[in-house]
Amino acid sequence: MTLLDVAEPIQHPAPAMQQTGALAANSPAAMMMSALSQGVSPEQIGQMMDLQDRWEQREAQKAYNAAFAAFKAEAVRIVKGKKVEDGPLKGKSYAELHGVVDAVTPALSRHGLSASWKLTRDDKDWIEVTCTLKHVGGHSESVSMGGPPDAGGAKNAIQARASAISYLSRYTLKAICGVAEGGDDTDGNTPAPDELMQPARDAAMGGSEALRAYWKTLSEGARAALKAELPALKEAAKAADAEGAKA
């Protein structure tokens, strides 16, 4: 008798079992384990693994959708805490980036959601920021917005880029979360068209995606007020798209 005859066979748990714990009896992974024990071919195992991946992705998307719906039910309100000191919008208020972050983060966290940004384009004359909303279950969705450095005022080159990144981060976060600043659609007072035009033009300068993202943040009354200006805004956005393509 040899050592091999008396040694206990070593059982190695399948990776799926190690990572996810007990499997649902009707899950593709459970069926794969059963098939493996019956000697199915590697090709068939591969097909089952692909099926498992697709199943997990669908389940993750369902969990994301449920969490996002619960987040929206909290009706997060963003306060306009910063006044414009000069320019055509002097005296008006808006929410700074940290105000938007502070408003949405607690509600997002309660439902397993979190937001983050990446600088997805950083050229001399064009900056693009992508905001991604992730769920603990694995699913995520993103929205991107781009535009030129904000050269207004007495900004140096670094300040111009930082200002543009802050602006793009604020709008992409509002867009991916589907939230609006207090006063946009909650106080019953729709701003006059001339008050809406400057931020609308700013969004159009960022291109079509930026304009669409901005449009989503507006109330029905604000959209109606800007309806006559929309064709011109779309043309400006198309021109910005063309400039971005050249860069």
Protein backbone atom coordinates (compact mmCIF):
# COMPACT_ATOMS: atom_id res chain seq x y z
CA MET A 1 0.00 0.00 0.00
CA THR A 2 1.35 3.41 -0.92
CA LEU A 3 0.77 6.85 0.47
CA LEU A 4 -1.46 7.58 -2.50
CA ASP A 5 -3.74 4.72 -1.52
CA VAL A 6 -4.50 6.10 1.94
CA ALA A 7 -4.38 9.87 1.36
CA GLU A 8 -7.70 11.70 1.54
CA PRO A 9 -8.57 13.35 -1.78
CA ILE A 10 -8.27 17.13 -1.57
CA GLN A 11 -11.48 18.89 -2.53
CA HIS A 12 -11.04 22.32 -4.14
CA PRO A 13 -14.15 24.50 -4.06
CA ALA A 14 -15.10 25.92 -7.43
CA PRO A 15 -14.14 29.59 -7.88
CA ALA A 16 -17.78 30.59 -8.20
CA MET A 17 -18.51 28.99 -4.84
CA GLN A 18 -15.55 30.78 -3.23
CA GLN A 19 -16.55 34.18 -4.53
CA THR A 20 -20.30 34.15 -4.13
CA GLY A 21 -21.02 31.59 -1.39
CA ALA A 22 -24.06 29.35 -1.73
CA LEU A 23 -25.55 29.36 -5.20
CA ALA A 24 -29.24 29.52 -5.98
CA ALA A 25 -30.36 26.08 -7.02
CA ASN A 26 -31.78 27.39 -10.30
CA SER A 27 -28.84 29.67 -11.16
CA PRO A 28 -26.69 28.96 -14.23
CA ALA A 29 -23.64 28.45 -12.00
CA ALA A 30 -25.40 25.74 -9.99
CA MET A 31 -26.40 24.01 -13.21
CA MET A 32 -22.81 24.31 -14.43
CA MET A 33 -21.49 22.61 -11.29
CA SER A 34 -23.96 19.79 -11.72
CA ALA A 35 -23.00 19.36 -15.37
CA LEU A 36 -19.29 19.38 -14.48
CA SER A 37 -19.80 16.49 -12.09
CA GLN A 38 -21.39 14.55 -14.98
CA GLY A 39 -18.40 15.01 -17.30
CA VAL A 40 -19.69 17.52 -19.83
CA SER A 41 -17.29 18.92 -22.44
CA PRO A 42 -15.16 22.07 -21.92
CA GLU A 43 -17.06 23.75 -24.76
CA GLN A 44 -20.33 23.19 -22.98
CA ILE A 45 -18.84 24.48 -19.72
CA GLY A 46 -17.75 27.64 -21.58
CA GLN A 47 -21.26 28.16 -22.88
CA MET A 48 -22.62 27.77 -19.36
CA MET A 49 -20.10 30.30 -18.02
CA ASP A 50 -21.21 32.80 -20.68
CA LEU A 51 -24.80 32.20 -19.64
CA GLN A 52 -23.83 32.81 -16.00
CA ASP A 53 -22.17 36.12 -16.94
CA ARG A 54 -25.24 37.32 -18.83
CA TRP A 55 -27.52 36.25 -15.97
CA GLU A 56 -25.41 38.13 -13.40
CA GLN A 57 -25.38 41.25 -15.58
CA ARG A 58 -29.17 41.21 -15.85
CA GLU A 59 -29.55 40.71 -12.10
CA ALA A 60 -27.10 43.57 -11.44
CA GLN A 61 -29.04 45.86 -13.77
CA LYS A 62 -32.31 44.99 -12.01
CA ALA A 63 -30.71 45.80 -8.65
CA TYR A 64 -29.39 49.12 -10.01
CA ASN A 65 -32.80 50.08 -11.38
CA ALA A 66 -34.49 49.27 -8.07
CA ALA A 67 -31.88 51.26 -6.11
CA PHE A 68 -32.12 54.23 -8.46
CA ALA A 69 -35.91 54.26 -8.20
CA ALA A 70 -35.61 54.27 -4.39
CA PHE A 71 -33.09 57.14 -4.60
CA LYS A 72 -35.43 59.16 -6.82
CA ALA A 73 -38.29 58.59 -4.38
CA GLU A 74 -36.35 60.63 -1.81
CA ALA A 75 -36.83 63.73 -3.99
CA VAL A 76 -33.40 65.19 -3.21
CA ARG A 77 -33.45 68.99 -3.38
CA ILE A 78 -30.34 70.98 -4.22
CA VAL A 79 -30.09 74.45 -2.72
CA LYS A 80 -28.75 77.36 -4.75
CA GLY A 81 -26.17 78.59 -2.28
CA LYS A 82 -23.85 80.70 -4.45
CA LYS A 83 -24.68 84.16 -5.83
CA VAL A 84 -23.30 85.43 -9.13
CA GLU A 85 -21.31 88.58 -8.38
CA ASP A 86 -20.94 90.02 -11.88
CA GLY A 87 -21.85 89.50 -15.52
CA PRO A 88 -25.31 89.21 -17.11
CA LEU A 89 -26.51 86.86 -14.34
CA LYS A 90 -25.39 89.11 -11.47
CA GLY A 91 -27.58 88.61 -8.41
CA LYS A 92 -28.78 85.15 -9.49
CA SER A 93 -27.91 82.05 -7.50
CA TYR A 94 -26.72 78.56 -8.34
CA ALA A 95 -25.48 75.44 -6.57
CA GLU A 96 -21.74 74.89 -6.48
CA LEU A 97 -20.30 71.45 -7.12
CA HIS A 98 -19.84 70.69 -3.42
CA GLY A 99 -23.48 71.66 -2.83
CA VAL A 100 -24.68 69.12 -5.38
CA VAL A 101 -22.35 66.44 -3.97
CA ASP A 102 -23.47 67.11 -0.39
CA ALA A 103 -27.12 66.95 -1.43
CA VAL A 104 -27.08 63.68 -3.37
CA THR A 105 -24.40 61.61 -1.62
CA PRO A 106 -26.32 60.60 1.54
CA ALA A 107 -29.35 59.45 -0.45
CA LEU A 108 -27.20 57.63 -3.01
CA SER A 109 -25.29 55.84 -0.25
CA ARG A 110 -28.47 54.69 1.47
CA HIS A 111 -29.32 52.74 -1.67
CA GLY A 112 -25.88 51.33 -2.47
CA LEU A 113 -25.08 53.92 -5.14
CA SER A 114 -22.01 56.11 -5.57
CA ALA A 115 -20.85 58.66 -8.14
CA SER A 116 -17.35 59.34 -9.45
CA TRP A 117 -15.73 61.28 -12.28
CA LYS A 118 -12.99 60.73 -14.81
CA LEU A 119 -11.33 63.25 -17.08
CA THR A 120 -11.95 61.38 -20.34
CA ARG A 121 -10.50 64.06 -22.63
CA ASP A 122 -7.89 66.64 -21.73
CA ASP A 123 -6.80 68.57 -24.80
CA LYS A 124 -5.57 72.15 -24.95
CA ASP A 125 -8.87 73.52 -26.21
CA TRP A 126 -11.32 70.84 -25.11
CA ILE A 127 -12.08 69.08 -21.83
CA GLU A 128 -14.48 66.18 -21.30
CA VAL A 129 -15.66 64.85 -17.95
CA THR A 130 -17.50 61.55 -17.49
CA CYS A 131 -19.60 60.93 -14.39
CA THR A 132 -20.32 57.30 -13.52
CA LEU A 133 -23.03 56.14 -11.14
CA LYS A 134 -22.24 52.70 -9.70
CA HIS A 135 -24.28 50.23 -7.66
CA VAL A 136 -22.80 47.77 -5.17
CA GLY A 137 -24.34 44.99 -7.26
CA GLY A 138 -21.92 45.74 -10.11
CA HIS A 139 -23.98 47.68 -12.66
CA SER A 140 -23.03 51.24 -13.60
CA GLU A 141 -24.14 53.96 -16.00
CA SER A 142 -22.28 57.04 -17.24
CA VAL A 143 -22.87 60.42 -18.84
CA SER A 144 -20.22 62.61 -20.47
CA MET A 145 -20.06 66.32 -21.15
CA GLY A 146 -17.35 68.39 -22.80
CA GLY A 147 -16.42 71.99 -23.42
CA PRO A 148 -13.55 74.46 -23.78
CA PRO A 149 -11.60 75.85 -20.81
CA ASP A 150 -13.50 78.66 -19.04
CA ALA A 151 -11.39 81.64 -20.05
CA GLY A 152 -13.83 84.26 -18.69
CA GLY A 153 -12.73 86.80 -16.10
CA ALA A 154 -9.11 87.10 -15.06
CA LYS A 155 -8.37 83.37 -14.91
CA ASN A 156 -4.96 82.00 -15.77
CA ALA A 157 -4.67 78.84 -17.88
CA ILE A 158 -4.84 76.45 -14.92
CA GLN A 159 -7.78 78.25 -13.34
CA ALA A 160 -9.62 78.21 -16.67
CA ARG A 161 -9.26 74.44 -16.91
CA ALA A 162 -10.18 73.89 -13.25
CA SER A 163 -13.29 76.05 -13.66
CA ALA A 164 -14.39 74.08 -16.73
CA ILE A 165 -13.83 70.74 -14.97
CA SER A 166 -15.87 71.89 -11.97
CA TYR A 167 -18.67 73.08 -14.26
CA LEU A 168 -18.70 69.83 -16.24
CA SER A 169 -18.57 67.73 -13.07
CA ARG A 170 -21.56 69.58 -11.64
CA TYR A 171 -23.71 69.16 -14.72
CA THR A 172 -22.83 65.52 -15.35
CA LEU A 173 -23.63 64.65 -11.73
CA LYS A 174 -27.00 66.39 -11.97
CA ALA A 175 -27.70 64.65 -15.28
CA ILE A 176 -26.80 61.11 -14.17
CA CYS A 177 -28.79 61.53 -10.94
CA GLY A 178 -31.72 63.26 -12.65
CA VAL A 179 -31.82 66.10 -10.11
CA ALA A 180 -32.34 69.85 -10.42
CA GLU A 181 -31.34 72.83 -8.32
CA GLY A 182 -33.95 74.27 -5.97
CA GLY A 183 -35.94 76.86 -7.88
CA ASP A 184 -35.59 75.08 -11.22
CA ASP A 185 -38.86 73.25 -10.73
CA THR A 186 -39.86 73.39 -7.08
CA ASP A 187 -40.67 77.01 -6.13
CA GLY A 188 -43.31 77.58 -8.80
CA ASN A 189 -41.41 80.51 -10.33
CA THR A 190 -40.04 79.80 -13.79
CA PRO A 191 -37.07 82.07 -14.63
CA ALA A 192 -37.49 84.49 -17.50
CA PRO A 193 -36.03 83.38 -20.85
CA ASP A 194 -33.18 85.91 -20.63
CA GLU A 195 -32.18 84.44 -17.25
CA LEU A 196 -32.08 80.96 -18.74
CA MET A 197 -30.24 81.82 -21.93
CA GLN A 198 -26.72 82.25 -20.54
CA PRO A 199 -26.49 78.80 -18.92
CA ALA A 200 -28.22 77.37 -22.00
CA ARG A 201 -25.61 78.96 -24.26
CA ASP A 202 -22.86 77.71 -21.97
CA ALA A 203 -24.26 74.19 -22.28
CA ALA A 204 -24.54 74.50 -26.07
CA MET A 205 -20.87 75.51 -26.22
CA GLY A 206 -20.16 72.08 -24.77
CA GLY A 207 -21.82 70.35 -27.74
CA SER A 208 -25.00 68.38 -28.32
CA GLU A 209 -24.49 65.96 -25.43
CA ALA A 210 -23.92 68.85 -23.03
CA LEU A 211 -27.03 70.63 -24.27
CA ARG A 212 -29.13 67.49 -23.83
CA ALA A 213 -27.76 67.00 -20.32
CA TYR A 214 -28.61 70.61 -19.43
CA TRP A 215 -32.08 70.31 -20.97
CA LYS A 216 -32.84 67.34 -18.71
CA THR A 217 -32.23 69.48 -15.62
CA LEU A 218 -34.89 72.05 -16.63
CA SER A 219 -38.48 72.12 -15.47
CA GLU A 220 -41.32 71.95 -17.99
CA GLY A 221 -41.87 75.68 -17.54
CA ALA A 222 -38.22 76.46 -18.20
CA ARG A 223 -38.23 74.31 -21.32
CA ALA A 224 -41.33 76.11 -22.59
CA ALA A 225 -39.65 79.46 -21.94
CA LEU A 226 -36.63 78.40 -24.01
CA LYS A 227 -38.57 76.67 -26.78
CA ALA A 228 -38.21 79.54 -29.26
CA GLU A 229 -34.45 79.61 -28.69
CA LEU A 230 -33.94 75.86 -28.98
CA PRO A 231 -33.17 75.77 -32.76
CA ALA A 232 -30.38 78.34 -32.31
CA LEU A 233 -29.04 76.45 -29.29
CA LYS A 234 -28.96 73.22 -31.29
CA GLU A 235 -27.07 74.93 -34.10
CA ALA A 236 -24.51 76.26 -31.62
CA ALA A 237 -24.16 72.77 -30.14
CA LYS A 238 -23.58 71.28 -33.61
CA ALA A 239 -20.88 73.87 -34.26
CA ALA A 240 -19.22 72.93 -30.96
CA ASP A 241 -19.41 69.25 -31.97
CA ALA A 242 -17.62 70.07 -35.21
CA GLU A 243 -14.93 72.00 -33.34
CA GLY A 244 -14.48 69.13 -30.94
CA ALA A 245 -14.08 66.69 -33.82
CA LYS A 246 -11.26 68.81 -35.28
CA ALA A 247 -9.37 68.98 -31.99
